[in-house]
């Protein structure tokens, strides 16, 4: 009702891709401008020379922000086969070191899911992951403690698996091996989404060159933190238009040309 209300001149929506498609359909019928910031299944690409310590420091912001409930989280971890076991082991140890509990407690690293229903949805994907891949950390919902899900790491994930293709929206990471940079980029781009992502390397210029090849609206180098001063948004099923920055302002304006004949 609100989207189709005659008093609305522009719609900006953040939410699921399914809801975004419905809103876009209404706006299309009414020729009403719309900005959509939708789902994601972003990839964090660790290159051969990536520093694991730097990556682990960035995981809370780049991959598990808001207890995993952020659309741009890099939940697909792409690791070179030559360092795969090292990356899996480091992530498993890291996940097991995190404290799950009250989000208002400074000692807490991972808080609750938004609702019991969402916790159950995330746990349903964990069960799917146990069938598709190898669980190396987490995988449980602490009993009698609210809407919590343990930080969960899956190894030996194929990018065609459901846990690698579908947005889980929880603290669940899939570690996917790759052989060569071109394959890493192919895997990163093999998704219906294109919202966020990151590239990790000791050579930031090389990382930027790789980032240019990733089909995504935003990519971080050795970290990920959207800036209010730069445009944010996705490609493919991750949305239309941009939020933040001067590029976003234009979507709230109508241009007019006035021709004065002399």
Protein backbone atom coordinates (compact mmCIF):
# COMPACT_ATOMS: atom_id res chain seq x y z
CA UNK A 1 0.00 0.00 0.00
CA UNK A 2 2.74 2.48 0.93
CA UNK A 3 4.78 1.77 -2.21
CA UNK A 4 1.75 2.41 -4.45
CA UNK A 5 0.43 5.42 -2.51
CA UNK A 6 -0.07 8.47 -4.78
CA UNK A 7 1.74 10.67 -2.28
CA UNK A 8 5.02 8.78 -2.72
CA UNK A 9 7.41 10.14 -5.36
CA UNK A 10 10.37 7.81 -4.81
CA UNK A 11 10.86 4.44 -3.10
CA UNK A 12 14.08 3.28 -1.41
CA UNK A 13 14.00 -0.27 -0.05
CA UNK A 14 16.46 -2.44 1.85
CA UNK A 15 15.50 -6.07 2.31
CA UNK A 16 15.28 -9.43 0.60
CA UNK A 17 15.62 -9.93 -3.13
CA UNK A 18 12.16 -11.55 -3.24
CA UNK A 19 10.52 -8.51 -1.64
CA UNK A 20 12.60 -6.20 -3.83
CA UNK A 21 11.29 -7.85 -6.99
CA UNK A 22 7.70 -7.28 -5.86
CA UNK A 23 8.39 -3.64 -5.02
CA UNK A 24 10.16 -3.13 -8.34
CA UNK A 25 7.11 -4.58 -10.10
CA UNK A 26 4.78 -2.09 -8.43
CA UNK A 27 7.13 0.80 -9.16
CA UNK A 28 7.48 -0.33 -12.76
CA UNK A 29 3.71 -0.28 -13.25
CA UNK A 30 3.56 3.24 -11.81
CA UNK A 31 6.78 4.48 -13.46
CA UNK A 32 8.00 5.42 -9.98
CA UNK A 33 11.74 5.74 -9.26
CA UNK A 34 13.07 3.03 -6.95
CA UNK A 35 16.35 2.18 -5.27
CA UNK A 36 16.81 -1.39 -4.08
CA UNK A 37 19.50 -2.67 -1.72
CA UNK A 38 18.88 -6.40 -1.56
CA UNK A 39 20.52 -9.71 -0.71
CA UNK A 40 24.09 -10.83 -1.04
CA UNK A 41 26.44 -13.80 -0.94
CA UNK A 42 29.75 -11.99 -1.04
CA UNK A 43 33.15 -13.61 -1.45
CA UNK A 44 36.29 -12.91 0.56
CA UNK A 45 39.19 -13.86 -1.71
CA UNK A 46 42.44 -14.73 0.05
CA UNK A 47 45.29 -14.56 -2.44
CA UNK A 48 48.43 -16.68 -2.11
CA UNK A 49 50.30 -13.96 -0.21
CA UNK A 50 47.45 -12.95 2.13
CA UNK A 51 48.35 -12.46 5.78
CA UNK A 52 46.09 -14.72 7.85
CA UNK A 53 46.41 -12.54 10.95
CA UNK A 54 45.20 -9.48 9.04
CA UNK A 55 42.31 -11.47 7.62
CA UNK A 56 41.20 -12.79 11.02
CA UNK A 57 41.23 -9.25 12.41
CA UNK A 58 38.91 -8.24 9.57
CA UNK A 59 36.50 -11.19 9.78
CA UNK A 60 34.12 -9.61 12.36
CA UNK A 61 33.49 -6.60 10.12
CA UNK A 62 33.89 -8.16 6.67
CA UNK A 63 32.23 -11.54 7.22
CA UNK A 64 30.22 -11.64 10.46
CA UNK A 65 28.96 -8.11 11.04
CA UNK A 66 25.81 -7.88 13.17
CA UNK A 67 26.06 -11.55 14.12
CA UNK A 68 26.06 -12.46 10.44
CA UNK A 69 22.88 -10.47 9.76
CA UNK A 70 24.27 -8.04 7.18
CA UNK A 71 23.56 -8.42 3.49
CA UNK A 72 27.11 -7.66 2.34
CA UNK A 73 28.90 -10.10 4.66
CA UNK A 74 31.61 -12.10 2.91
CA UNK A 75 30.30 -15.53 3.86
CA UNK A 76 32.11 -17.37 1.05
CA UNK A 77 35.79 -17.60 1.97
CA UNK A 78 37.86 -18.43 -1.11
CA UNK A 79 41.24 -19.91 -0.14
CA UNK A 80 44.06 -21.14 -2.41
CA UNK A 81 44.50 -24.91 -2.34
CA UNK A 82 48.13 -24.47 -1.30
CA UNK A 83 47.00 -22.79 1.94
CA UNK A 84 43.55 -24.31 2.33
CA UNK A 85 44.18 -26.35 5.48
CA UNK A 86 45.92 -23.36 7.09
CA UNK A 87 42.95 -21.09 6.39
CA UNK A 88 40.37 -23.65 7.55
CA UNK A 89 42.28 -24.31 10.76
CA UNK A 90 42.73 -20.62 11.52
CA UNK A 91 39.04 -19.88 10.93
CA UNK A 92 37.93 -22.83 13.05
CA UNK A 93 40.13 -21.71 15.94
CA UNK A 94 38.91 -18.14 15.54
CA UNK A 95 35.22 -19.13 15.53
CA UNK A 96 35.68 -21.28 18.63
CA UNK A 97 37.33 -18.36 20.45
CA UNK A 98 34.29 -16.09 20.05
CA UNK A 99 31.91 -15.53 22.95
CA UNK A 100 28.19 -15.93 22.19
CA UNK A 101 25.82 -14.02 24.45
CA UNK A 102 24.13 -10.76 25.38
CA UNK A 103 24.85 -8.20 22.67
CA UNK A 104 25.00 -5.44 25.31
CA UNK A 105 27.80 -7.20 27.20
CA UNK A 106 31.21 -5.83 26.10
CA UNK A 107 32.66 -9.34 26.42
CA UNK A 108 30.27 -10.69 23.78
CA UNK A 109 31.45 -11.21 20.20
CA UNK A 110 28.32 -12.75 18.68
CA UNK A 111 24.81 -11.82 19.78
CA UNK A 112 21.39 -13.27 18.92
CA UNK A 113 19.49 -13.66 15.72
CA UNK A 114 16.62 -11.23 15.15
CA UNK A 115 13.92 -13.74 16.11
CA UNK A 116 13.27 -17.36 16.96
CA UNK A 117 12.01 -17.92 13.43
CA UNK A 118 15.21 -16.54 11.95
CA UNK A 119 17.34 -18.63 14.31
CA UNK A 120 15.46 -21.69 13.12
CA UNK A 121 16.02 -20.69 9.49
CA UNK A 122 19.76 -20.29 10.04
CA UNK A 123 19.91 -23.63 11.84
CA UNK A 124 18.08 -25.28 8.94
CA UNK A 125 20.93 -24.15 6.68
CA UNK A 126 23.45 -25.49 9.18
CA UNK A 127 21.76 -28.88 8.87
CA UNK A 128 21.94 -28.61 5.08
CA UNK A 129 25.62 -27.74 5.38
CA UNK A 130 26.29 -30.86 7.44
CA UNK A 131 25.02 -32.90 4.49
CA UNK A 132 26.87 -30.92 1.82
CA UNK A 133 30.23 -30.17 3.44
CA UNK A 134 32.45 -30.74 6.49
CA UNK A 135 31.62 -28.95 9.74
CA UNK A 136 34.80 -27.75 11.48
CA UNK A 137 33.43 -25.30 14.06
CA UNK A 138 30.11 -24.41 15.68
CA UNK A 139 26.96 -25.86 14.24
CA UNK A 140 24.77 -25.58 17.31
CA UNK A 141 22.19 -23.30 18.89
CA UNK A 142 22.92 -23.04 22.63
CA UNK A 143 19.98 -24.55 24.52
CA UNK A 144 17.73 -22.33 26.63
CA UNK A 145 19.68 -19.19 25.81
CA UNK A 146 17.54 -17.27 23.37
CA UNK A 147 17.90 -16.85 19.64
CA UNK A 148 21.60 -17.71 19.39
CA UNK A 149 23.60 -19.56 16.74
CA UNK A 150 27.23 -20.48 17.28
CA UNK A 151 29.76 -19.08 14.78
CA UNK A 152 29.88 -21.90 12.26
CA UNK A 153 32.57 -22.83 9.74
CA UNK A 154 32.14 -25.34 6.90
CA UNK A 155 35.08 -26.71 4.91
CA UNK A 156 35.24 -28.68 1.64
CA UNK A 157 32.38 -26.59 0.28
CA UNK A 158 31.61 -26.62 -3.44
CA UNK A 159 30.37 -23.30 -4.79
CA UNK A 160 27.29 -25.05 -6.20
CA UNK A 161 26.22 -26.13 -2.70
CA UNK A 162 23.16 -24.43 -1.25
CA UNK A 163 25.14 -23.04 1.67
CA UNK A 164 27.39 -21.32 -0.89
CA UNK A 165 24.63 -20.02 -3.16
CA UNK A 166 21.75 -19.03 -0.85
CA UNK A 167 21.80 -16.13 1.59
CA UNK A 168 21.78 -17.56 5.13
CA UNK A 169 21.95 -14.25 7.02
CA UNK A 170 23.70 -15.69 10.04
CA UNK A 171 27.20 -16.42 11.41
CA UNK A 172 27.87 -19.25 8.95
CA UNK A 173 30.95 -19.21 6.71
CA UNK A 174 31.79 -21.55 3.82
CA UNK A 175 35.47 -22.08 2.95
CA UNK A 176 35.86 -22.88 -0.74
CA UNK A 177 39.19 -23.97 -2.30
CA UNK A 178 40.45 -22.57 -5.58
CA UNK A 179 43.35 -23.33 -7.91
CA UNK A 180 44.70 -20.15 -9.48
CA UNK A 181 43.54 -16.56 -9.50
CA UNK A 182 41.28 -16.92 -12.53
CA UNK A 183 39.36 -19.72 -10.83
CA UNK A 184 39.01 -17.62 -7.68
CA UNK A 185 37.42 -14.83 -9.68
CA UNK A 186 35.19 -17.26 -11.55
CA UNK A 187 33.93 -18.71 -8.27
CA UNK A 188 33.43 -15.26 -6.75
CA UNK A 189 31.33 -14.23 -9.75
CA UNK A 190 29.36 -17.50 -9.85
CA UNK A 191 26.48 -16.11 -7.80
CA UNK A 192 23.16 -14.46 -8.53
CA UNK A 193 24.24 -11.71 -6.13
CA UNK A 194 26.81 -8.93 -6.38
CA UNK A 195 26.74 -6.65 -3.34
CA UNK A 196 30.01 -6.81 -1.38
CA UNK A 197 33.26 -8.69 -1.23
CA UNK A 198 36.90 -8.36 -0.33
CA UNK A 199 40.37 -9.26 -1.59
CA UNK A 200 43.23 -9.99 0.82
CA UNK A 201 46.86 -9.72 -0.24
CA UNK A 202 50.25 -8.36 0.84
CA UNK A 203 50.26 -6.45 -2.47
CA UNK A 204 47.41 -3.93 -2.36
CA UNK A 205 47.87 -2.90 -6.01
CA UNK A 206 47.51 -6.50 -7.11
CA UNK A 207 44.49 -6.87 -4.83
CA UNK A 208 42.87 -3.82 -6.46
CA UNK A 209 43.42 -5.34 -9.90
CA UNK A 210 41.64 -8.49 -8.74
CA UNK A 211 38.87 -6.42 -7.15
CA UNK A 212 38.17 -4.78 -10.53
CA UNK A 213 37.34 -8.23 -11.93
CA UNK A 214 34.81 -9.09 -9.22
CA UNK A 215 31.18 -8.51 -10.29
CA UNK A 216 30.05 -6.57 -7.25
CA UNK A 217 28.94 -3.07 -6.37
CA UNK A 218 31.52 -2.78 -3.58
CA UNK A 219 34.79 -4.56 -2.85
CA UNK A 220 37.26 -4.00 -0.01
CA UNK A 221 41.01 -4.56 -0.04
CA UNK A 222 42.39 -6.14 3.16
CA UNK A 223 39.17 -5.25 4.93
CA UNK A 224 35.62 -4.14 4.24
CA UNK A 225 33.90 -1.03 5.55
CA UNK A 226 31.36 0.89 3.43
CA UNK A 227 31.76 4.65 3.63
CA UNK A 228 28.92 7.16 3.83
CA UNK A 229 30.90 9.29 1.38
CA UNK A 230 30.99 6.70 -1.40
CA UNK A 231 28.19 4.98 -3.35
CA UNK A 232 26.92 1.69 -1.93
CA UNK A 233 24.75 -0.80 -3.75
CA UNK A 234 24.74 -3.99 -5.74
CA UNK A 235 24.56 -5.51 -9.20
CA UNK A 236 22.64 -8.54 -10.45
CA UNK A 237 20.07 -9.71 -7.86
CA UNK A 238 21.56 -7.47 -5.18
CA UNK A 239 19.65 -4.43 -6.28
CA UNK A 240 19.28 -1.25 -8.31
CA UNK A 241 20.78 2.17 -7.77
CA UNK A 242 23.08 3.42 -5.05
CA UNK A 243 22.85 4.65 -1.49
CA UNK A 244 25.35 7.06 0.11
CA UNK A 245 27.62 9.54 -1.62
CA UNK A 246 26.73 12.13 -4.26
CA UNK A 247 25.60 9.37 -6.63
CA UNK A 248 22.68 8.62 -4.30
CA UNK A 249 21.43 12.21 -4.23
CA UNK A 250 20.58 12.17 -7.91
CA UNK A 251 17.98 9.45 -7.43
CA UNK A 252 16.00 11.87 -5.22
CA UNK A 253 16.08 14.68 -7.78
CA UNK A 254 14.32 15.43 -11.03
CA UNK A 255 16.33 17.19 -13.71
CA UNK A 256 14.69 19.95 -15.71
CA UNK A 257 15.98 21.79 -18.76
CA UNK A 258 14.67 25.30 -19.53
CA UNK A 259 15.31 26.60 -23.04
CA UNK A 260 15.25 30.37 -23.48
CA UNK A 261 15.11 31.50 -27.10
CA UNK A 262 16.83 34.79 -27.87
